[in-house]
Amino acid sequence: MPENLPLKTITHKGLTIEGYSRAAVQSYWRIPELKLGFDMGGSPWNFMGTQNFFISHAHLDHMAALPVYVARRRMMKMGPPTICMPEEVVENVDRMLRSWQRLDRGRMVCDLVGMKPGQEFELSRENVVTTFATKHTVPSIGYIVWDRRKKLKPEYQDLSGEEIRDIRLSGTDVSEEVRVPLVCYVGDSAPDGLDNDPAIYESKILITEMTFFRPEHRKEKIHKFGHTHLDDILERTDRFQNELIILAHFSTRYHENQVKKAVEKRMPESLRDRVTLWL
């Protein structure tokens, strides 16, 4: 197999998170067990087998490899992928793929799905993806992947199996859907984006950006350009209920050790124990 692009991998309770993220360079993520990925600033060879991708916004470091991914799947005789993205960018992405089709002389076949905050995408029988608003310099959205199961309604839980069967046969629905947020992917966003859905803080795994951390960097300017500072994370310490918090998309102004030292120095232990720096 050809050598992949840079990849970091971590496993949490049966879910594998793999990818790479650096501001203005490339961001790409995949969770193979859920058969989905987020953003496509690069396209590692083994990401090609993942059919569903969710694009947060159309900046090059988050979407430049989309034509490569689509073309590779066709070359390997795989089915057309499904790519969800902010609805405002679908028309231009379609034009871009058509232009590459003329340049490459190979068909760019995929299903582009435009989404806006508050919508749902049926991923599988067990999983559904919802969207929420984020705040960036271009149209952008975040995604939450939910596990969903059917559970017996409380009023029927003390009944026998035969009684439940009879009620069901009478046409009454005895079960209800229960959802648990598994993974939240924020993408690039000013901190306001973190506050746009309670499930962001409740998801088992949260993947979000922390592009800047230095005290001298003006937060109002950082927020204006749609990014998050370490201070913004610390201000929300008590809200994070997540089991695993992945902080990524660090500015190329920083060396990895600078990021580590800042987090170790300033982040409280209650939060730091759940944080992974994607370095």
Foldseek 3Di string as FASTA:
>chain_A
DDDWDDKDWDDDPHWIWMWAAAAPAATKIDTVVLLEIEFPLDDTPVNLRRQEYEYFDDDNRRHVCVLVSQQVCVVVVHDAGEYEYAQVCVVVVVVVQVVVCVVVVHHRDHHYHHDDAQDWDCSDPFKIKHWWAFAAPGGGIKIWIKGKDKDFDPVCPPDDPVVVVVCVVVVDDRIDMDIATAEIEGPFHELVSCVGDLNCQRHQEYEYEAAEEDPPDDSVVQRVRGHHHPVSCQVCVVSRPYQAYEYHHYHPVDDPVVVVVRCVVPPDPVVVVRYDYRD
